[in-house]
Amino acid sequence: MRRKARENAIKYIFEKLVNGSENEVTYEIFMDELSDDGKVYYETTVAEVNSKFDFIKSIIARYATAYKEDRLYKLDLAIMSVATYEILFTDIPDKVSVNEAVEIAKIYSTDNSPSFINGLLAVVIKNKTELVEEYERKDN
């Protein structure tokens, strides 16, 4: 249930990154495919990633030292954005967020993406406390 909702959230965020704007029709199509529980996760995740996107993207850029931001695959950025949001701002176990991100990358992205995403998210987890505090300072 949550896997499909997570995939749809990633697909929607990816589309937004590619098109540069939100698309209400696509949002609704992805929503309609989900169970009621999945819809809650999808709506919350899309809204929260969107509202925190600049902060999340800055973290990814900070730790993706081998890649300039414009060289990151937009799909990988969408996957890492959802996983980073889950790690920093939800009660989903970190291990579950990383595992799901890696598995989704194996299905939809390049051969190198799963290990890259796994490594970056490991650094996010390692610095989780400091990153949450940084966000809270920026938000106040």
N, C-alpha and C. Protein backbone atom coordinates (compact mmCIF):
# COMPACT_ATOMS: atom_id res chain seq x y z
N MET A 1 0.82 -1.19 0.00
CA MET A 1 0.00 0.00 0.00
C MET A 1 0.86 1.26 0.00
N ARG A 2 1.77 1.36 0.98
CA ARG A 2 2.59 2.57 1.04
C ARG A 2 3.58 2.62 -0.11
N ARG A 3 4.04 1.47 -0.60
CA ARG A 3 5.00 1.46 -1.72
C ARG A 3 4.40 2.19 -2.93
N LYS A 4 3.17 1.86 -3.28
CA LYS A 4 2.52 2.50 -4.43
C LYS A 4 2.35 3.99 -4.18
N ALA A 5 1.95 4.38 -2.99
CA ALA A 5 1.79 5.79 -2.65
C ALA A 5 3.13 6.51 -2.72
N ARG A 6 4.19 5.86 -2.24
CA ARG A 6 5.54 6.45 -2.28
C ARG A 6 5.98 6.60 -3.73
N GLU A 7 5.78 5.56 -4.54
CA GLU A 7 6.14 5.63 -5.96
C GLU A 7 5.39 6.76 -6.65
N ASN A 8 4.11 6.88 -6.38
CA ASN A 8 3.33 7.94 -7.02
C ASN A 8 3.77 9.32 -6.57
N ALA A 9 4.13 9.47 -5.31
CA ALA A 9 4.64 10.76 -4.83
C ALA A 9 5.94 11.10 -5.55
N ILE A 10 6.82 10.11 -5.70
CA ILE A 10 8.09 10.32 -6.41
C ILE A 10 7.82 10.67 -7.87
N LYS A 11 6.92 9.95 -8.51
CA LYS A 11 6.60 10.22 -9.91
C LYS A 11 6.04 11.64 -10.08
N TYR A 12 5.18 12.04 -9.16
CA TYR A 12 4.61 13.39 -9.26
C TYR A 12 5.70 14.45 -9.06
N ILE A 13 6.55 14.28 -8.07
CA ILE A 13 7.62 15.24 -7.82
C ILE A 13 8.59 15.27 -9.01
N PHE A 14 8.88 14.10 -9.57
CA PHE A 14 9.72 14.03 -10.76
C PHE A 14 9.10 14.83 -11.91
N GLU A 15 7.81 14.61 -12.14
CA GLU A 15 7.15 15.36 -13.23
C GLU A 15 7.23 16.86 -13.00
N LYS A 16 7.04 17.27 -11.76
CA LYS A 16 7.13 18.69 -11.43
C LYS A 16 8.54 19.22 -11.70
N LEU A 17 9.56 18.45 -11.37
CA LEU A 17 10.94 18.86 -11.64
C LEU A 17 11.20 18.98 -13.14
N VAL A 18 10.67 18.05 -13.91
CA VAL A 18 10.88 18.07 -15.36
C VAL A 18 10.12 19.23 -16.01
N ASN A 19 8.87 19.42 -15.61
CA ASN A 19 8.02 20.44 -16.24
C ASN A 19 8.16 21.82 -15.62
N GLY A 20 8.70 21.89 -14.44
CA GLY A 20 8.88 23.18 -13.78
C GLY A 20 7.62 23.75 -13.16
N SER A 21 6.55 22.96 -13.13
CA SER A 21 5.32 23.44 -12.50
C SER A 21 4.46 22.25 -12.09
N GLU A 22 3.48 22.54 -11.25
CA GLU A 22 2.57 21.50 -10.78
C GLU A 22 1.48 21.26 -11.82
N ASN A 23 0.98 20.03 -11.86
CA ASN A 23 -0.07 19.66 -12.79
C ASN A 23 -1.18 18.98 -12.00
N GLU A 24 -2.29 19.66 -11.85
CA GLU A 24 -3.40 19.15 -11.04
C GLU A 24 -3.97 17.84 -11.60
N VAL A 25 -4.01 17.72 -12.93
CA VAL A 25 -4.54 16.49 -13.55
C VAL A 25 -3.67 15.30 -13.18
N THR A 26 -2.36 15.44 -13.31
CA THR A 26 -1.43 14.37 -12.96
C THR A 26 -1.54 14.04 -11.47
N TYR A 27 -1.62 15.08 -10.66
CA TYR A 27 -1.76 14.88 -9.21
C TYR A 27 -2.97 14.00 -8.92
N GLU A 28 -4.09 14.30 -9.55
CA GLU A 28 -5.32 13.54 -9.32
C GLU A 28 -5.24 12.13 -9.88
N ILE A 29 -4.59 11.96 -11.02
CA ILE A 29 -4.44 10.61 -11.60
C ILE A 29 -3.67 9.72 -10.63
N PHE A 30 -2.54 10.23 -10.12
CA PHE A 30 -1.75 9.45 -9.17
C PHE A 30 -2.53 9.20 -7.88
N MET A 31 -3.34 10.15 -7.46
CA MET A 31 -4.14 10.01 -6.25
C MET A 31 -5.21 8.93 -6.43
N ASP A 32 -5.87 8.93 -7.58
CA ASP A 32 -6.98 8.01 -7.81
C ASP A 32 -6.56 6.55 -7.81
N GLU A 33 -5.28 6.27 -8.02
CA GLU A 33 -4.79 4.89 -8.05
C GLU A 33 -4.62 4.29 -6.66
N LEU A 34 -4.80 5.09 -5.62
CA LEU A 34 -4.42 4.67 -4.27
C LEU A 34 -5.61 4.33 -3.38
N SER A 35 -5.34 3.53 -2.37
CA SER A 35 -6.31 3.25 -1.32
C SER A 35 -6.45 4.52 -0.47
N ASP A 36 -7.40 4.51 0.45
CA ASP A 36 -7.59 5.68 1.32
C ASP A 36 -6.33 5.99 2.14
N ASP A 37 -5.71 4.96 2.72
CA ASP A 37 -4.47 5.16 3.48
C ASP A 37 -3.36 5.69 2.58
N GLY A 38 -3.28 5.14 1.38
CA GLY A 38 -2.27 5.59 0.43
C GLY A 38 -2.47 7.04 0.03
N LYS A 39 -3.73 7.44 -0.09
CA LYS A 39 -4.04 8.83 -0.45
C LYS A 39 -3.54 9.80 0.62
N VAL A 40 -3.71 9.42 1.89
CA VAL A 40 -3.25 10.28 2.99
C VAL A 40 -1.74 10.43 2.93
N TYR A 41 -1.03 9.31 2.76
CA TYR A 41 0.45 9.38 2.66
C TYR A 41 0.85 10.24 1.46
N TYR A 42 0.25 9.99 0.31
CA TYR A 42 0.58 10.71 -0.93
C TYR A 42 0.36 12.21 -0.78
N GLU A 43 -0.83 12.59 -0.31
CA GLU A 43 -1.14 14.02 -0.15
C GLU A 43 -0.17 14.70 0.81
N THR A 44 0.06 14.06 1.94
CA THR A 44 0.96 14.63 2.95
C THR A 44 2.38 14.73 2.41
N THR A 45 2.86 13.67 1.81
CA THR A 45 4.24 13.64 1.33
C THR A 45 4.47 14.67 0.23
N VAL A 46 3.58 14.73 -0.74
CA VAL A 46 3.74 15.72 -1.83
C VAL A 46 3.72 17.13 -1.26
N ALA A 47 2.76 17.42 -0.39
CA ALA A 47 2.66 18.77 0.19
C ALA A 47 3.90 19.12 1.01
N GLU A 48 4.35 18.20 1.84
CA GLU A 48 5.50 18.47 2.71
C GLU A 48 6.81 18.57 1.94
N VAL A 49 7.01 17.69 0.96
CA VAL A 49 8.23 17.79 0.15
C VAL A 49 8.22 19.11 -0.61
N ASN A 50 7.07 19.48 -1.15
CA ASN A 50 6.99 20.77 -1.86
C ASN A 50 7.31 21.94 -0.93
N SER A 51 6.77 21.94 0.27
CA SER A 51 6.98 23.07 1.17
C SER A 51 8.41 23.12 1.72
N LYS A 52 9.06 21.97 1.79
CA LYS A 52 10.42 21.90 2.34
C LYS A 52 11.47 21.67 1.24
N PHE A 53 11.07 21.78 -0.01
CA PHE A 53 11.93 21.37 -1.12
C PHE A 53 13.25 22.13 -1.17
N ASP A 54 13.24 23.42 -0.97
CA ASP A 54 14.50 24.17 -1.03
C ASP A 54 15.49 23.67 0.01
N PHE A 55 15.01 23.41 1.21
CA PHE A 55 15.88 22.89 2.26
C PHE A 55 16.36 21.48 1.92
N ILE A 56 15.45 20.61 1.50
CA ILE A 56 15.81 19.24 1.15
C ILE A 56 16.82 19.23 0.00
N LYS A 57 16.57 20.04 -1.01
CA LYS A 57 17.48 20.10 -2.16
C LYS A 57 18.86 20.61 -1.74
N SER A 58 18.90 21.54 -0.80
CA SER A 58 20.20 22.06 -0.35
C SER A 58 20.99 20.97 0.39
N ILE A 59 20.30 20.10 1.11
CA ILE A 59 20.96 18.99 1.79
C ILE A 59 21.52 18.01 0.77
N ILE A 60 20.72 17.67 -0.21
CA ILE A 60 21.16 16.73 -1.25
C ILE A 60 22.36 17.31 -1.99
N ALA A 61 22.31 18.58 -2.34
CA ALA A 61 23.44 19.22 -3.02
C ALA A 61 24.68 19.23 -2.14
N ARG A 62 24.50 19.45 -0.86
CA ARG A 62 25.62 19.49 0.09
C ARG A 62 26.34 18.14 0.16
N TYR A 63 25.58 17.06 0.17
CA TYR A 63 26.17 15.73 0.34
C TYR A 63 26.47 15.01 -0.98
N ALA A 64 25.95 15.49 -2.06
CA ALA A 64 26.24 14.88 -3.37
C ALA A 64 27.47 15.57 -3.95
N THR A 65 28.56 15.48 -3.23
CA THR A 65 29.75 16.25 -3.56
C THR A 65 30.36 15.88 -4.91
N ALA A 66 30.14 14.68 -5.37
CA ALA A 66 30.69 14.26 -6.66
C ALA A 66 29.86 14.77 -7.84
N TYR A 67 28.70 15.32 -7.56
CA TYR A 67 27.80 15.76 -8.62
C TYR A 67 27.41 17.22 -8.41
N LYS A 68 27.48 17.98 -9.46
CA LYS A 68 26.90 19.32 -9.41
C LYS A 68 25.39 19.14 -9.52
N GLU A 69 24.66 20.07 -8.94
CA GLU A 69 23.20 19.94 -8.90
C GLU A 69 22.60 19.70 -10.29
N ASP A 70 23.12 20.38 -11.31
CA ASP A 70 22.55 20.23 -12.65
C ASP A 70 22.89 18.88 -13.29
N ARG A 71 23.78 18.10 -12.66
CA ARG A 71 24.13 16.78 -13.17
C ARG A 71 23.35 15.67 -12.49
N LEU A 72 22.64 15.96 -11.43
CA LEU A 72 21.83 14.94 -10.77
C LEU A 72 20.63 14.59 -11.66
N TYR A 73 20.36 13.31 -11.78
CA TYR A 73 19.16 12.90 -12.50
C TYR A 73 17.95 13.40 -11.72
N LYS A 74 17.00 13.96 -12.43
CA LYS A 74 15.81 14.49 -11.76
C LYS A 74 15.05 13.38 -11.04
N LEU A 75 15.07 12.19 -11.60
CA LEU A 75 14.40 11.07 -10.93
C LEU A 75 15.09 10.75 -9.61
N ASP A 76 16.43 10.73 -9.63
CA ASP A 76 17.16 10.47 -8.38
C ASP A 76 16.90 11.57 -7.37
N LEU A 77 16.82 12.81 -7.84
CA LEU A 77 16.51 13.92 -6.94
C LEU A 77 15.13 13.74 -6.32
N ALA A 78 14.16 13.31 -7.11
CA ALA A 78 12.81 13.07 -6.58
C ALA A 78 12.83 11.95 -5.55
N ILE A 79 13.53 10.86 -5.84
CA ILE A 79 13.62 9.73 -4.91
C ILE A 79 14.28 10.17 -3.61
N MET A 80 15.41 10.87 -3.72
CA MET A 80 16.13 11.31 -2.52
C MET A 80 15.34 12.36 -1.75
N SER A 81 14.57 13.17 -2.44
CA SER A 81 13.76 14.19 -1.76
C SER A 81 12.72 13.55 -0.87
N VAL A 82 12.02 12.55 -1.39
CA VAL A 82 11.01 11.86 -0.59
C VAL A 82 11.67 11.14 0.58
N ALA A 83 12.76 10.43 0.32
CA ALA A 83 13.43 9.70 1.40
C ALA A 83 14.00 10.65 2.45
N THR A 84 14.60 11.75 2.02
CA THR A 84 15.14 12.73 2.97
C THR A 84 14.02 13.32 3.82
N TYR A 85 12.90 13.65 3.20
CA TYR A 85 11.74 14.14 3.96
C TYR A 85 11.33 13.10 5.01
N GLU A 86 11.21 11.83 4.60
CA GLU A 86 10.80 10.79 5.54
C GLU A 86 11.78 10.66 6.69
N ILE A 87 13.08 10.68 6.38
CA ILE A 87 14.11 10.51 7.41
C ILE A 87 14.08 11.66 8.41
N LEU A 88 13.95 12.86 7.92
CA LEU A 88 14.06 14.03 8.81
C LEU A 88 12.76 14.42 9.49
N PHE A 89 11.63 14.16 8.86
CA PHE A 89 10.39 14.76 9.34
C PHE A 89 9.24 13.79 9.63
N THR A 90 9.48 12.49 9.53
CA THR A 90 8.40 11.54 9.83
C THR A 90 8.89 10.50 10.83
N ASP A 91 7.97 9.66 11.28
CA ASP A 91 8.33 8.59 12.20
C ASP A 91 8.57 7.27 11.47
N ILE A 92 8.65 7.32 10.15
CA ILE A 92 8.99 6.12 9.37
C ILE A 92 10.43 5.75 9.71
N PRO A 93 10.69 4.49 10.04
CA PRO A 93 12.07 4.10 10.37
C PRO A 93 13.04 4.44 9.22
N ASP A 94 14.19 4.99 9.58
CA ASP A 94 15.18 5.39 8.58
C ASP A 94 15.51 4.25 7.62
N LYS A 95 15.67 3.06 8.18
CA LYS A 95 16.03 1.89 7.38
C LYS A 95 14.96 1.61 6.31
N VAL A 96 13.70 1.79 6.66
CA VAL A 96 12.61 1.57 5.70
C VAL A 96 12.68 2.61 4.59
N SER A 97 12.89 3.87 4.94
CA SER A 97 12.98 4.94 3.93
C SER A 97 14.12 4.69 2.96
N VAL A 98 15.27 4.29 3.49
CA VAL A 98 16.43 4.04 2.63
C VAL A 98 16.17 2.82 1.75
N ASN A 99 15.68 1.74 2.33
CA ASN A 99 15.41 0.53 1.57
C ASN A 99 14.41 0.80 0.44
N GLU A 100 13.35 1.51 0.75
CA GLU A 100 12.35 1.81 -0.27
C GLU A 100 12.94 2.68 -1.38
N ALA A 101 13.73 3.68 -1.02
CA ALA A 101 14.36 4.55 -2.02
C ALA A 101 15.27 3.74 -2.94
N VAL A 102 16.07 2.87 -2.36
CA VAL A 102 16.99 2.04 -3.15
C VAL A 102 16.22 1.10 -4.06
N GLU A 103 15.18 0.46 -3.53
CA GLU A 103 14.39 -0.46 -4.35
C GLU A 103 13.68 0.26 -5.50
N ILE A 104 13.16 1.43 -5.24
CA ILE A 104 12.50 2.21 -6.30
C ILE A 104 13.53 2.64 -7.34
N ALA A 105 14.71 3.02 -6.90
CA ALA A 105 15.79 3.39 -7.84
C ALA A 105 16.18 2.19 -8.71
N LYS A 106 16.19 1.00 -8.14
CA LYS A 106 16.52 -0.20 -8.92
C LYS A 106 15.52 -0.42 -10.05
N ILE A 107 14.28 -0.08 -9.80
CA ILE A 107 13.22 -0.28 -10.80
C ILE A 107 13.24 0.82 -11.86
N TYR A 108 13.37 2.08 -11.44
CA TYR A 108 13.12 3.19 -12.34
C TYR A 108 14.36 3.96 -12.80
N SER A 109 15.49 3.81 -12.13
CA SER A 109 16.61 4.69 -12.44
C SER A 109 17.79 3.90 -13.03
N THR A 110 18.95 4.50 -13.03
CA THR A 110 20.13 3.91 -13.65
C THR A 110 20.76 2.84 -12.75
N ASP A 111 21.68 2.09 -13.31
CA ASP A 111 22.37 1.04 -12.55
C ASP A 111 23.17 1.60 -11.37
N ASN A 112 23.70 2.80 -11.52
CA ASN A 112 24.52 3.40 -10.46
C ASN A 112 23.69 4.12 -9.39
N SER A 113 22.45 4.40 -9.69
CA SER A 113 21.62 5.20 -8.78
C SER A 113 21.38 4.56 -7.42
N PRO A 114 21.07 3.26 -7.32
CA PRO A 114 20.80 2.70 -5.99
C PRO A 114 21.96 2.89 -5.00
N SER A 115 23.19 2.64 -5.43
CA SER A 115 24.31 2.80 -4.49
C SER A 115 24.57 4.28 -4.18
N PHE A 116 24.40 5.14 -5.17
CA PHE A 116 24.55 6.58 -4.93
C PHE A 116 23.52 7.07 -3.92
N ILE A 117 22.27 6.70 -4.13
CA ILE A 117 21.18 7.11 -3.24
C ILE A 117 21.40 6.54 -1.84
N ASN A 118 21.78 5.28 -1.75
CA ASN A 118 22.04 4.65 -0.45
C ASN A 118 23.14 5.40 0.30
N GLY A 119 24.22 5.74 -0.38
CA GLY A 119 25.32 6.46 0.26
C GLY A 119 24.92 7.84 0.73
N LEU A 120 24.20 8.56 -0.11
CA LEU A 120 23.78 9.91 0.27
C LEU A 120 22.82 9.87 1.46
N LEU A 121 21.88 8.95 1.44
CA LEU A 121 20.92 8.86 2.54
C LEU A 121 21.59 8.41 3.84
N ALA A 122 22.64 7.62 3.75
CA ALA A 122 23.40 7.23 4.94
C ALA A 122 24.01 8.46 5.61
N VAL A 123 24.49 9.40 4.81
CA VAL A 123 25.06 10.63 5.36
C VAL A 123 23.94 11.50 5.97
N VAL A 124 22.78 11.53 5.34
CA VAL A 124 21.64 12.27 5.90
C VAL A 124 21.30 11.69 7.28
N ILE A 125 21.24 10.37 7.38
CA ILE A 125 20.92 9.74 8.67
C ILE A 125 21.99 10.07 9.70
N LYS A 126 23.25 9.99 9.30
CA LYS A 126 24.35 10.28 10.22
C LYS A 126 24.25 11.70 10.78
N ASN A 127 23.75 12.64 9.98
CA ASN A 127 23.66 14.05 10.38
C ASN A 127 22.23 14.48 10.70
N LYS A 128 21.36 13.53 10.94
CA LYS A 128 19.93 13.79 11.12
C LYS A 128 19.64 14.84 12.19
N THR A 129 20.20 14.68 13.36
CA THR A 129 19.92 15.61 14.46
C THR A 129 20.29 17.04 14.08
N GLU A 130 21.48 17.21 13.53
CA GLU A 130 21.94 18.55 13.14
C GLU A 130 21.08 19.13 12.02
N LEU A 131 20.66 18.29 11.08
CA LEU A 131 19.84 18.77 9.96
C LEU A 131 18.45 19.22 10.43
N VAL A 132 17.86 18.45 11.34
CA VAL A 132 16.55 18.85 11.88
C VAL A 132 16.68 20.16 12.64
N GLU A 133 17.74 20.29 13.43
CA GLU A 133 17.97 21.55 14.15
C GLU A 133 18.19 22.71 13.19
N GLU A 134 18.93 22.46 12.12
CA GLU A 134 19.16 23.50 11.10
C GLU A 134 17.84 23.95 10.48
N TYR A 135 16.98 22.99 10.16
CA TYR A 135 15.68 23.33 9.59
C TYR A 135 14.84 24.14 10.57
N GLU A 136 14.85 23.74 11.82
CA GLU A 136 14.06 24.44 12.83
C GLU A 136 14.58 25.86 13.03
N ARG A 137 15.88 26.07 12.97
CA ARG A 137 16.44 27.43 13.07
C ARG A 137 16.02 28.27 11.88
N LYS A 138 16.04 27.69 10.69
CA LYS A 138 15.65 28.43 9.47
C LYS A 138 14.16 28.76 9.49
N ASP A 139 13.38 27.85 10.05
CA ASP A 139 11.93 28.00 10.02
C ASP A 139 11.45 29.04 11.03
N ASN A 140 12.23 29.34 12.04
CA ASN A 140 11.82 30.32 13.06
C ASN A 140 12.26 31.71 12.76
